[in-house]
Amino acid sequence: MEHPDNPTVRTFQAADQVALQALILRTIDICYCGHYCAEAVRFFKDYHNKQAIRRDAEEGCTIVLGRAGRILGAGTLVGDEIRRVFVDPAFQRQGLGRLIMRHLEERAAASGIDSIRLDASLPSKAFYDRLGYATVEAAFLEVENGRRLDFFRMQKIF
């Protein structure tokens, strides 16, 4: 029997879509505003829309971390790329992001992938550094009003 404090890890289901998007938007609101301009925050919110969440889950594998029926975090592996790793801000710094990444990396390795890539936001870069990801390049997108959204392309070789 599983301990009630330990989160469960399972595959994303269509019924998770609304709750997962709400978690992502809440995380962006809380964690990105101090790092990004309003235009970049809007870009992130538009980018992580319901259709994109579903498409990535269908094309790859999205795992959901939950406890007592509540989604605490999630992440997606599509090919050799990790996308959309988010942990509810109330539960960050408790090892949940590391748990999500371990599961995604194990799935990648089991599929024969020996190198994995991801794009890291400004607030998440240090997290990926600690997990052994190397910065391939600092990059940016131009968002509305000529503003920039800075991020890092990162890679880990198994």
Foldseek 3Di string as FASTA:
>chain_A
DDDLVAWDKDWDDLVCLVLLLVQQLQCLVPPVPVPDDPQLSVVSNVCSDSVNVVVQCVQWIKMFIGGPPHTQWIWGDHQQEIDGTGGRPVPPPVCPSVVRVVVNVVVCVVVVHFKHKYKAFPRCPVVVVVVPKDFPDWDWDQGPPRDIGIITIIMHGD
